Amino acid sequence: MDQPQGIKHLKDDSFTKEIENGVTLVDFHAEWCGPCRMLAPVLEQVATEMQGKAKFGKIDIDSEQKTAAQFQVTSVPTLILFKDGREVNRLVGLRDADAVKEFVTAAL
């Protein structure tokens, strides 16, 4: 799968380093998840609009199970917002661009 502009595919072994500074929104998703596929263009839009303000990442719960387990992700899509490496909020389920943008802006 191509990496969307502004959204980085994250791995278990580098996850902590990727989220340690600033505000990062991480999309915990799975290839087989319909709502996850519907959320992808929404996240791309928000990542483009918020470039330079926050970082955006995706992590596949099937291939990166250690991180999914660490954050007790049991449903997808789950959006977890991190600030300086610490979880500050999470959303479960499909959201529109305005809701996602508002969610991220609250942590800035």
PDB file of N, CA and C in Angstrom:
ATOM      1  N   MET A   1       0.841  -1.192   0.000  1.00  0.00           N
ATOM      2  CA  MET A   1       0.000   0.000   0.000  1.00  0.00           C
ATOM      3  C   MET A   1       0.880   1.247   0.000  1.00  0.00           C
ATOM      4  N   ASP A   2       0.523   2.199  -0.805  1.00  0.00           N
ATOM      5  CA  ASP A   2       1.292   3.442  -0.864  1.00  0.00           C
ATOM      6  C   ASP A   2       1.120   4.222   0.423  1.00  0.00           C
ATOM      7  N   GLN A   3       2.154   4.948   0.784  1.00  0.00           N
ATOM      8  CA  GLN A   3       2.081   5.788   1.972  1.00  0.00           C
ATOM      9  C   GLN A   3       1.461   7.118   1.587  1.00  0.00           C
ATOM     10  N   PRO A   4       0.309   7.448   2.176  1.00  0.00           N
ATOM     11  CA  PRO A   4      -0.321   8.726   1.851  1.00  0.00           C
ATOM     12  C   PRO A   4       0.559   9.889   2.287  1.00  0.00           C
ATOM     13  N   GLN A   5       0.439  10.987   1.576  1.00  0.00           N
ATOM     14  CA  GLN A   5       1.240  12.152   1.900  1.00  0.00           C
ATOM     15  C   GLN A   5       0.883  12.653   3.306  1.00  0.00           C
ATOM     16  N   GLY A   6       1.902  12.870   4.123  1.00  0.00           N
ATOM     17  CA  GLY A   6       1.682  13.406   5.455  1.00  0.00           C
ATOM     18  C   GLY A   6       1.336  12.371   6.505  1.00  0.00           C
ATOM     19  N   ILE A   7       1.152  11.108   6.103  1.00  0.00           N
ATOM     20  CA  ILE A   7       0.826  10.050   7.062  1.00  0.00           C
ATOM     21  C   ILE A   7       1.901   8.978   6.975  1.00  0.00           C
ATOM     22  N   LYS A   8       2.533   8.702   8.116  1.00  0.00           N
ATOM     23  CA  LYS A   8       3.641   7.759   8.152  1.00  0.00           C
ATOM     24  C   LYS A   8       3.155   6.400   8.661  1.00  0.00           C
ATOM     25  N   HIS A   9       3.581   5.332   7.980  1.00  0.00           N
ATOM     26  CA  HIS A   9       3.262   3.987   8.458  1.00  0.00           C
ATOM     27  C   HIS A   9       4.228   3.647   9.593  1.00  0.00           C
ATOM     28  N   LEU A  10       3.686   3.313  10.741  1.00  0.00           N
ATOM     29  CA  LEU A  10       4.491   3.085  11.938  1.00  0.00           C
ATOM     30  C   LEU A  10       4.666   1.596  12.202  1.00  0.00           C
ATOM     31  N   LYS A  11       5.754   1.263  12.865  1.00  0.00           N
ATOM     32  CA  LYS A  11       6.088  -0.125  13.202  1.00  0.00           C
ATOM     33  C   LYS A  11       6.313  -0.219  14.705  1.00  0.00           C
ATOM     34  N   ASP A  12       6.142  -1.445  15.242  1.00  0.00           N
ATOM     35  CA  ASP A  12       6.349  -1.676  16.674  1.00  0.00           C
ATOM     36  C   ASP A  12       7.705  -1.170  17.153  1.00  0.00           C
ATOM     37  N   ASP A  13       8.763  -1.476  16.385  1.00  0.00           N
ATOM     38  CA  ASP A  13      10.116  -1.174  16.851  1.00  0.00           C
ATOM     39  C   ASP A  13      10.480   0.306  16.846  1.00  0.00           C
ATOM     40  N   SER A  14       9.727   1.136  16.122  1.00  0.00           N
ATOM     41  CA  SER A  14      10.052   2.565  16.082  1.00  0.00           C
ATOM     42  C   SER A  14       8.920   3.438  16.621  1.00  0.00           C
ATOM     43  N   PHE A  15       7.855   2.815  17.115  1.00  0.00           N
ATOM     44  CA  PHE A  15       6.657   3.551  17.504  1.00  0.00           C
ATOM     45  C   PHE A  15       6.947   4.630  18.561  1.00  0.00           C
ATOM     46  N   THR A  16       7.626   4.249  19.629  1.00  0.00           N
ATOM     47  CA  THR A  16       7.892   5.187  20.735  1.00  0.00           C
ATOM     48  C   THR A  16       8.671   6.405  20.244  1.00  0.00           C
ATOM     49  N   LYS A  17       9.666   6.187  19.388  1.00  0.00           N
ATOM     50  CA  LYS A  17      10.465   7.301  18.867  1.00  0.00           C
ATOM     51  C   LYS A  17       9.613   8.241  18.006  1.00  0.00           C
ATOM     52  N   GLU A  18       8.694   7.681  17.232  1.00  0.00           N
ATOM     53  CA  GLU A  18       7.859   8.492  16.330  1.00  0.00           C
ATOM     54  C   GLU A  18       6.891   9.412  17.075  1.00  0.00           C
ATOM     55  N   ILE A  19       6.445   8.995  18.264  1.00  0.00           N
ATOM     56  CA  ILE A  19       5.431   9.782  18.987  1.00  0.00           C
ATOM     57  C   ILE A  19       6.005  10.606  20.133  1.00  0.00           C
ATOM     58  N   GLU A  20       7.327  10.555  20.344  1.00  0.00           N
ATOM     59  CA  GLU A  20       7.882  11.161  21.561  1.00  0.00           C
ATOM     60  C   GLU A  20       7.848  12.687  21.607  1.00  0.00           C
ATOM     61  N   ASN A  21       7.755  13.360  20.457  1.00  0.00           N
ATOM     62  CA  ASN A  21       7.768  14.826  20.454  1.00  0.00           C
ATOM     63  C   ASN A  21       6.534  15.378  19.749  1.00  0.00           C
ATOM     64  N   GLY A  22       5.928  16.403  20.358  1.00  0.00           N
ATOM     65  CA  GLY A  22       4.810  17.086  19.724  1.00  0.00           C
ATOM     66  C   GLY A  22       3.519  16.296  19.793  1.00  0.00           C
ATOM     67  N   VAL A  23       2.568  16.701  18.961  1.00  0.00           N
ATOM     68  CA  VAL A  23       1.249  16.066  18.909  1.00  0.00           C
ATOM     69  C   VAL A  23       1.217  15.119  17.706  1.00  0.00           C
ATOM     70  N   THR A  24       0.840  13.871  17.975  1.00  0.00           N
ATOM     71  CA  THR A  24       0.775  12.853  16.927  1.00  0.00           C
ATOM     72  C   THR A  24      -0.558  12.122  17.015  1.00  0.00           C
ATOM     73  N   LEU A  25      -1.267  12.058  15.900  1.00  0.00           N
ATOM     74  CA  LEU A  25      -2.497  11.274  15.816  1.00  0.00           C
ATOM     75  C   LEU A  25      -2.152   9.960  15.134  1.00  0.00           C
ATOM     76  N   VAL A  26      -2.467   8.851  15.812  1.00  0.00           N
ATOM     77  CA  VAL A  26      -2.170   7.532  15.246  1.00  0.00           C
ATOM     78  C   VAL A  26      -3.478   6.798  14.980  1.00  0.00           C
ATOM     79  N   ASP A  27      -3.611   6.341  13.742  1.00  0.00           N
ATOM     80  CA  ASP A  27      -4.762   5.564  13.302  1.00  0.00           C
ATOM     81  C   ASP A  27      -4.415   4.086  13.417  1.00  0.00           C
ATOM     82  N   PHE A  28      -5.036   3.403  14.389  1.00  0.00           N
ATOM     83  CA  PHE A  28      -4.883   1.956  14.514  1.00  0.00           C
ATOM     84  C   PHE A  28      -5.939   1.344  13.594  1.00  0.00           C
ATOM     85  N   HIS A  29      -5.492   0.600  12.587  1.00  0.00           N
ATOM     86  CA  HIS A  29      -6.403   0.116  11.543  1.00  0.00           C
ATOM     87  C   HIS A  29      -6.053  -1.302  11.137  1.00  0.00           C
ATOM     88  N   ALA A  30      -6.895  -1.866  10.247  1.00  0.00           N
ATOM     89  CA  ALA A  30      -6.633  -3.188   9.675  1.00  0.00           C
ATOM     90  C   ALA A  30      -7.071  -3.172   8.217  1.00  0.00           C
ATOM     91  N   GLU A  31      -6.383  -3.950   7.390  1.00  0.00           N
ATOM     92  CA  GLU A  31      -6.695  -4.005   5.959  1.00  0.00           C
ATOM     93  C   GLU A  31      -8.128  -4.473   5.701  1.00  0.00           C
ATOM     94  N   TRP A  32      -8.623  -5.384   6.524  1.00  0.00           N
ATOM     95  CA  TRP A  32      -9.942  -5.986   6.314  1.00  0.00           C
ATOM     96  C   TRP A  32     -11.085  -5.108   6.824  1.00  0.00           C
ATOM     97  N   CYS A  33     -10.785  -3.988   7.425  1.00  0.00           N
ATOM     98  CA  CYS A  33     -11.781  -3.137   8.096  1.00  0.00           C
ATOM     99  C   CYS A  33     -12.369  -2.099   7.127  1.00  0.00           C
ATOM    100  N   GLY A  34     -13.660  -2.237   6.815  1.00  0.00           N
ATOM    101  CA  GLY A  34     -14.336  -1.301   5.918  1.00  0.00           C
ATOM    102  C   GLY A  34     -14.319   0.136   6.416  1.00  0.00           C
ATOM    103  N   PRO A  35     -14.743   0.385   7.676  1.00  0.00           N
ATOM    104  CA  PRO A  35     -14.698   1.763   8.197  1.00  0.00           C
ATOM    105  C   PRO A  35     -13.286   2.358   8.187  1.00  0.00           C
ATOM    106  N   CYS A  36     -12.263   1.514   8.358  1.00  0.00           N
ATOM    107  CA  CYS A  36     -10.869   1.995   8.301  1.00  0.00           C
ATOM    108  C   CYS A  36     -10.561   2.543   6.913  1.00  0.00           C
ATOM    109  N   ARG A  37     -11.008   1.823   5.882  1.00  0.00           N
ATOM    110  CA  ARG A  37     -10.774   2.269   4.506  1.00  0.00           C
ATOM    111  C   ARG A  37     -11.534   3.570   4.229  1.00  0.00           C
ATOM    112  N   MET A  38     -12.719   3.721   4.824  1.00  0.00           N
ATOM    113  CA  MET A  38     -13.496   4.953   4.641  1.00  0.00           C
ATOM    114  C   MET A  38     -12.853   6.127   5.373  1.00  0.00           C
ATOM    115  N   LEU A  39     -12.162   5.840   6.477  1.00  0.00           N
ATOM    116  CA  LEU A  39     -11.519   6.887   7.273  1.00  0.00           C
ATOM    117  C   LEU A  39     -10.223   7.385   6.619  1.00  0.00           C
ATOM    118  N   ALA A  40      -9.566   6.534   5.830  1.00  0.00           N
ATOM    119  CA  ALA A  40      -8.260   6.877   5.244  1.00  0.00           C
ATOM    120  C   ALA A  40      -8.257   8.209   4.493  1.00  0.00           C
ATOM    121  N   PRO A  41      -9.195   8.474   3.557  1.00  0.00           N
ATOM    122  CA  PRO A  41      -9.153   9.772   2.859  1.00  0.00           C
ATOM    123  C   PRO A  41      -9.451  10.952   3.782  1.00  0.00           C
ATOM    124  N   VAL A  42     -10.236  10.725   4.823  1.00  0.00           N
ATOM    125  CA  VAL A  42     -10.517  11.777   5.810  1.00  0.00           C
ATOM    126  C   VAL A  42      -9.221  12.155   6.522  1.00  0.00           C
ATOM    127  N   LEU A  43      -8.454  11.149   6.939  1.00  0.00           N
ATOM    128  CA  LEU A  43      -7.186  11.410   7.628  1.00  0.00           C
ATOM    129  C   LEU A  43      -6.180  12.092   6.698  1.00  0.00           C
ATOM    130  N   GLU A  44      -6.172  11.678   5.423  1.00  0.00           N
ATOM    131  CA  GLU A  44      -5.264  12.317   4.471  1.00  0.00           C
ATOM    132  C   GLU A  44      -5.591  13.803   4.331  1.00  0.00           C
ATOM    133  N   GLN A  45      -6.879  14.116   4.269  1.00  0.00           N
ATOM    134  CA  GLN A  45      -7.311  15.514   4.155  1.00  0.00           C
ATOM    135  C   GLN A  45      -6.884  16.313   5.382  1.00  0.00           C
ATOM    136  N   VAL A  46      -7.141  15.770   6.567  1.00  0.00           N
ATOM    137  CA  VAL A  46      -6.796  16.474   7.813  1.00  0.00           C
ATOM    138  C   VAL A  46      -5.279  16.606   7.948  1.00  0.00           C
ATOM    139  N   ALA A  47      -4.538  15.560   7.587  1.00  0.00           N
ATOM    140  CA  ALA A  47      -3.067  15.611   7.667  1.00  0.00           C
ATOM    141  C   ALA A  47      -2.522  16.702   6.760  1.00  0.00           C
ATOM    142  N   THR A  48      -3.103  16.851   5.581  1.00  0.00           N
ATOM    143  CA  THR A  48      -2.677  17.895   4.650  1.00  0.00           C
ATOM    144  C   THR A  48      -2.995  19.276   5.215  1.00  0.00           C
ATOM    145  N   GLU A  49      -4.199  19.436   5.747  1.00  0.00           N
ATOM    146  CA  GLU A  49      -4.617  20.731   6.288  1.00  0.00           C
ATOM    147  C   GLU A  49      -3.836  21.126   7.535  1.00  0.00           C
ATOM    148  N   MET A  50      -3.383  20.143   8.310  1.00  0.00           N
ATOM    149  CA  MET A  50      -2.713  20.432   9.579  1.00  0.00           C
ATOM    150  C   MET A  50      -1.208  20.212   9.511  1.00  0.00           C
ATOM    151  N   GLN A  51      -0.672  20.149   8.307  1.00  0.00           N
ATOM    152  CA  GLN A  51       0.762  19.928   8.126  1.00  0.00           C
ATOM    153  C   GLN A  51       1.551  20.987   8.898  1.00  0.00           C
ATOM    154  N   GLY A  52       2.552  20.522   9.648  1.00  0.00           N
ATOM    155  CA  GLY A  52       3.381  21.435  10.422  1.00  0.00           C
ATOM    156  C   GLY A  52       2.848  21.695  11.826  1.00  0.00           C
ATOM    157  N   LYS A  53       1.591  21.349  12.077  1.00  0.00           N
ATOM    158  CA  LYS A  53       1.003  21.539  13.406  1.00  0.00           C
ATOM    159  C   LYS A  53       0.994  20.247  14.206  1.00  0.00           C
ATOM    160  N   ALA A  54       0.725  19.147  13.516  1.00  0.00           N
ATOM    161  CA  ALA A  54       0.672  17.838  14.163  1.00  0.00           C
ATOM    162  C   ALA A  54       1.188  16.789  13.189  1.00  0.00           C
ATOM    163  N   LYS A  55       1.611  15.647  13.743  1.00  0.00           N
ATOM    164  CA  LYS A  55       2.066  14.532  12.911  1.00  0.00           C
ATOM    165  C   LYS A  55       0.951  13.494  12.857  1.00  0.00           C
ATOM    166  N   PHE A  56       0.935  12.725  11.779  1.00  0.00           N
ATOM    167  CA  PHE A  56      -0.083  11.703  11.585  1.00  0.00           C
ATOM    168  C   PHE A  56       0.581  10.389  11.231  1.00  0.00           C
ATOM    169  N   GLY A  57       0.089   9.310  11.838  1.00  0.00           N
ATOM    170  CA  GLY A  57       0.629   7.990  11.561  1.00  0.00           C
ATOM    171  C   GLY A  57      -0.465   6.951  11.510  1.00  0.00           C
ATOM    172  N   LYS A  58      -0.144   5.822  10.891  1.00  0.00           N
ATOM    173  CA  LYS A  58      -1.049   4.675  10.817  1.00  0.00           C
ATOM    174  C   LYS A  58      -0.284   3.469  11.315  1.00  0.00           C
ATOM    175  N   ILE A  59      -0.993   2.593  12.020  1.00  0.00           N
ATOM    176  CA  ILE A  59      -0.353   1.347  12.432  1.00  0.00           C
ATOM    177  C   ILE A  59      -1.349   0.212  12.224  1.00  0.00           C
ATOM    178  N   ASP A  60      -0.898  -0.825  11.510  1.00  0.00           N
ATOM    179  CA  ASP A  60      -1.736  -1.977  11.200  1.00  0.00           C
ATOM    180  C   ASP A  60      -1.748  -2.910  12.411  1.00  0.00           C
ATOM    181  N   ILE A  61      -2.932  -3.127  12.988  1.00  0.00           N
ATOM    182  CA  ILE A  61      -3.007  -3.926  14.223  1.00  0.00           C
ATOM    183  C   ILE A  61      -2.679  -5.404  13.990  1.00  0.00           C
ATOM    184  N   ASP A  62      -2.792  -5.866  12.748  1.00  0.00           N
ATOM    185  CA  ASP A  62      -2.478  -7.267  12.458  1.00  0.00           C
ATOM    186  C   ASP A  62      -0.974  -7.508  12.352  1.00  0.00           C
ATOM    187  N   SER A  63      -0.240  -6.577  11.760  1.00  0.00           N
ATOM    188  CA  SER A  63       1.202  -6.775  11.605  1.00  0.00           C
ATOM    189  C   SER A  63       2.004  -6.173  12.755  1.00  0.00           C
ATOM    190  N   GLU A  64       1.429  -5.246  13.473  1.00  0.00           N
ATOM    191  CA  GLU A  64       2.136  -4.587  14.594  1.00  0.00           C
ATOM    192  C   GLU A  64       1.338  -4.822  15.881  1.00  0.00           C
ATOM    193  N   GLN A  65       1.243  -6.100  16.265  1.00  0.00           N
ATOM    194  CA  GLN A  65       0.373  -6.488  17.379  1.00  0.00           C
ATOM    195  C   GLN A  65       0.869  -6.021  18.739  1.00  0.00           C
ATOM    196  N   LYS A  66       2.175  -5.874  18.883  1.00  0.00           N
ATOM    197  CA  LYS A  66       2.733  -5.466  20.181  1.00  0.00           C
ATOM    198  C   LYS A  66       2.205  -4.076  20.584  1.00  0.00           C
ATOM    199  N   THR A  67       2.244  -3.124  19.653  1.00  0.00           N
ATOM    200  CA  THR A  67       1.791  -1.758  19.948  1.00  0.00           C
ATOM    201  C   THR A  67       0.284  -1.737  20.160  1.00  0.00           C
ATOM    202  N   ALA A  68      -0.469  -2.474  19.332  1.00  0.00           N
ATOM    203  CA  ALA A  68      -1.925  -2.536  19.497  1.00  0.00           C
ATOM    204  C   ALA A  68      -2.279  -3.082  20.871  1.00  0.00           C
ATOM    205  N   ALA A  69      -1.567  -4.112  21.319  1.00  0.00           N
ATOM    206  CA  ALA A  69      -1.822  -4.692  22.643  1.00  0.00           C
ATOM    207  C   ALA A  69      -1.431  -3.720  23.760  1.00  0.00           C
ATOM    208  N   GLN A  70      -0.311  -3.034  23.570  1.00  0.00           N
ATOM    209  CA  GLN A  70       0.171  -2.081  24.578  1.00  0.00           C
ATOM    210  C   GLN A  70      -0.878  -1.008  24.873  1.00  0.00           C
ATOM    211  N   PHE A  71      -1.578  -0.558  23.838  1.00  0.00           N
ATOM    212  CA  PHE A  71      -2.579   0.493  24.003  1.00  0.00           C
ATOM    213  C   PHE A  71      -4.001  -0.061  24.068  1.00  0.00           C
ATOM    214  N   GLN A  72      -4.112  -1.397  24.236  1.00  0.00           N
ATOM    215  CA  GLN A  72      -5.394  -2.076  24.416  1.00  0.00           C
ATOM    216  C   GLN A  72      -6.413  -1.696  23.335  1.00  0.00           C
ATOM    217  N   VAL A  73      -5.951  -1.718  22.095  1.00  0.00           N
ATOM    218  CA  VAL A  73      -6.840  -1.435  20.964  1.00  0.00           C
ATOM    219  C   VAL A  73      -7.602  -2.711  20.638  1.00  0.00           C
ATOM    220  N   THR A  74      -8.923  -2.680  20.840  1.00  0.00           N
ATOM    221  CA  THR A  74      -9.753  -3.863  20.601  1.00  0.00           C
ATOM    222  C   THR A  74     -10.732  -3.656  19.457  1.00  0.00           C
ATOM    223  N   SER A  75     -10.925  -2.428  19.023  1.00  0.00           N
ATOM    224  CA  SER A  75     -11.811  -2.123  17.898  1.00  0.00           C
ATOM    225  C   SER A  75     -11.072  -1.223  16.926  1.00  0.00           C
ATOM    226  N   VAL A  76     -11.373  -1.391  15.636  1.00  0.00           N
ATOM    227  CA  VAL A  76     -10.784  -0.504  14.636  1.00  0.00           C
ATOM    228  C   VAL A  76     -11.898   0.108  13.802  1.00  0.00           C
ATOM    229  N   PRO A  77     -11.723   1.325  13.318  1.00  0.00           N
ATOM    230  CA  PRO A  77     -10.549   2.170  13.564  1.00  0.00           C
ATOM    231  C   PRO A  77     -10.573   2.793  14.962  1.00  0.00           C
ATOM    232  N   THR A  78      -9.386   2.901  15.546  1.00  0.00           N
ATOM    233  CA  THR A  78      -9.198   3.636  16.795  1.00  0.00           C
ATOM    234  C   THR A  78      -8.155   4.711  16.527  1.00  0.00           C
ATOM    235  N   LEU A  79      -8.497   5.949  16.829  1.00  0.00           N
ATOM    236  CA  LEU A  79      -7.567   7.065  16.700  1.00  0.00           C
ATOM    237  C   LEU A  79      -7.073   7.409  18.096  1.00  0.00           C
ATOM    238  N   ILE A  80      -5.772   7.356  18.291  1.00  0.00           N
ATOM    239  CA  ILE A  80      -5.203   7.739  19.591  1.00  0.00           C
ATOM    240  C   ILE A  80      -4.333   8.962  19.371  1.00  0.00           C
ATOM    241  N   LEU A  81      -4.566   9.958  20.215  1.00  0.00           N
ATOM    242  CA  LEU A  81      -3.838  11.220  20.146  1.00  0.00           C
ATOM    243  C   LEU A  81      -2.766  11.223  21.221  1.00  0.00           C
ATOM    244  N   PHE A  82      -1.536  11.440  20.796  1.00  0.00           N
ATOM    245  CA  PHE A  82      -0.395  11.479  21.713  1.00  0.00           C
ATOM    246  C   PHE A  82       0.186  12.879  21.754  1.00  0.00           C
ATOM    247  N   LYS A  83       0.614  13.286  22.940  1.00  0.00           N
ATOM    248  CA  LYS A  83       1.327  14.553  23.083  1.00  0.00           C
ATOM    249  C   LYS A  83       2.603  14.245  23.851  1.00  0.00           C
ATOM    250  N   ASP A  84       3.732  14.510  23.204  1.00  0.00           N
ATOM    251  CA  ASP A  84       5.050  14.235  23.788  1.00  0.00           C
ATOM    252  C   ASP A  84       5.147  12.804  24.328  1.00  0.00           C
ATOM    253  N   GLY A  85       4.623  11.857  23.542  1.00  0.00           N
ATOM    254  CA  GLY A  85       4.758  10.444  23.877  1.00  0.00           C
ATOM    255  C   GLY A  85       3.695   9.858  24.785  1.00  0.00           C
ATOM    256  N   ARG A  86       2.788  10.689  25.265  1.00  0.00           N
ATOM    257  CA  ARG A  86       1.763  10.195  26.190  1.00  0.00           C
ATOM    258  C   ARG A  86       0.387  10.297  25.558  1.00  0.00           C
ATOM    259  N   GLU A  87      -0.437   9.262  25.782  1.00  0.00           N
ATOM    260  CA  GLU A  87      -1.794   9.285  25.256  1.00  0.00           C
ATOM    261  C   GLU A  87      -2.596  10.365  25.971  1.00  0.00           C
ATOM    262  N   VAL A  88      -3.252  11.235  25.199  1.00  0.00           N
ATOM    263  CA  VAL A  88      -4.083  12.283  25.791  1.00  0.00           C
ATOM    264  C   VAL A  88      -5.565  12.100  25.484  1.00  0.00           C
ATOM    265  N   ASN A  89      -5.878  11.322  24.427  1.00  0.00           N
ATOM    266  CA  ASN A  89      -7.279  11.111  24.085  1.00  0.00           C
ATOM    267  C   ASN A  89      -7.387  10.017  23.039  1.00  0.00           C
ATOM    268  N   ARG A  90      -8.606   9.474  22.871  1.00  0.00           N
ATOM    269  CA  ARG A  90      -8.826   8.486  21.811  1.00  0.00           C
ATOM    270  C   ARG A  90     -10.261   8.538  21.325  1.00  0.00           C
ATOM    271  N   LEU A  91     -10.417   8.188  20.056  1.00  0.00           N
ATOM    272  CA  LEU A  91     -11.730   8.081  19.411  1.00  0.00           C
ATOM    273  C   LEU A  91     -11.816   6.691  18.796  1.00  0.00           C
ATOM    274  N   VAL A  92     -12.983   6.069  18.913  1.00  0.00           N
ATOM    275  CA  VAL A  92     -13.192   4.774  18.277  1.00  0.00           C
ATOM    276  C   VAL A  92     -14.304   4.925  17.253  1.00  0.00           C
ATOM    277  N   GLY A  93     -14.044   4.428  16.048  1.00  0.00           N
ATOM    278  CA  GLY A  93     -15.059   4.461  15.008  1.00  0.00           C
ATOM    279  C   GLY A  93     -14.806   5.540  13.969  1.00  0.00           C
ATOM    280  N   LEU A  94     -15.658   5.522  12.956  1.00  0.00           N
ATOM    281  CA  LEU A  94     -15.541   6.431  11.821  1.00  0.00           C
ATOM    282  C   LEU A  94     -15.950   7.847  12.221  1.00  0.00           C
ATOM    283  N   ARG A  95     -15.163   8.835  11.804  1.00  0.00           N
ATOM    284  CA  ARG A  95     -15.462  10.242  12.073  1.00  0.00           C
ATOM    285  C   ARG A  95     -15.279  11.045  10.790  1.00  0.00           C
ATOM    286  N   ASP A  96     -15.896  12.234  10.743  1.00  0.00           N
ATOM    287  CA  ASP A  96     -15.694  13.092   9.576  1.00  0.00           C
ATOM    288  C   ASP A  96     -14.482  13.998   9.816  1.00  0.00           C
ATOM    289  N   ALA A  97     -14.086  14.718   8.762  1.00  0.00           N
ATOM    290  CA  ALA A  97     -12.872  15.544   8.821  1.00  0.00           C
ATOM    291  C   ALA A  97     -12.950  16.606   9.913  1.00  0.00           C
ATOM    292  N   ASP A  98     -14.105  17.253  10.066  1.00  0.00           N
ATOM    293  CA  ASP A  98     -14.237  18.296  11.088  1.00  0.00           C
ATOM    294  C   ASP A  98     -14.037  17.726  12.486  1.00  0.00           C
ATOM    295  N   ALA A  99     -14.601  16.550  12.744  1.00  0.00           N
ATOM    296  CA  ALA A  99     -14.457  15.921  14.057  1.00  0.00           C
ATOM    297  C   ALA A  99     -13.007  15.554  14.333  1.00  0.00           C
ATOM    298  N   VAL A 100     -12.316  15.028  13.329  1.00  0.00           N
ATOM    299  CA  VAL A 100     -10.910  14.642  13.497  1.00  0.00           C
ATOM    300  C   VAL A 100     -10.048  15.886  13.728  1.00  0.00           C
ATOM    301  N   LYS A 101     -10.301  16.923  12.955  1.00  0.00           N
ATOM    302  CA  LYS A 101      -9.530  18.158  13.084  1.00  0.00           C
ATOM    303  C   LYS A 101      -9.717  18.775  14.480  1.00  0.00           C
ATOM    304  N   GLU A 102     -10.951  18.802  14.935  1.00  0.00           N
ATOM    305  CA  GLU A 102     -11.274  19.328  16.265  1.00  0.00           C
ATOM    306  C   GLU A 102     -10.573  18.504  17.353  1.00  0.00           C
ATOM    307  N   PHE A 103     -10.580  17.195  17.171  1.00  0.00           N
ATOM    308  CA  PHE A 103      -9.955  16.259  18.099  1.00  0.00           C
ATOM    309  C   PHE A 103      -8.458  16.548  18.242  1.00  0.00           C
ATOM    310  N   VAL A 104      -7.780  16.750  17.107  1.00  0.00           N
ATOM    311  CA  VAL A 104      -6.339  17.026  17.106  1.00  0.00           C
ATOM    312  C   VAL A 104      -6.062  18.418  17.645  1.00  0.00           C
ATOM    313  N   THR A 105      -6.847  19.396  17.227  1.00  0.00           N
ATOM    314  CA  THR A 105      -6.641  20.785  17.641  1.00  0.00           C
ATOM    315  C   THR A 105      -6.733  20.947  19.153  1.00  0.00           C
ATOM    316  N   ALA A 106      -7.556  20.147  19.795  1.00  0.00           N
ATOM    317  CA  ALA A 106      -7.725  20.224  21.249  1.00  0.00           C
ATOM    318  C   ALA A 106      -6.419  19.959  22.008  1.00  0.00           C
ATOM    319  N   ALA A 107      -5.498  19.233  21.385  1.00  0.00           N
ATOM    320  CA  ALA A 107      -4.226  18.890  22.047  1.00  0.00           C
ATOM    321  C   ALA A 107      -3.097  19.847  21.698  1.00  0.00           C
ATOM    322  N   LEU A 108      -3.317  20.753  20.758  1.00  0.00           N
ATOM    323  CA  LEU A 108      -2.241  21.654  20.335  1.00  0.00           C
ATOM    324  C   LEU A 108      -1.997  22.762  21.334  1.00  0.00           C
TER     325      LEU A 108
END
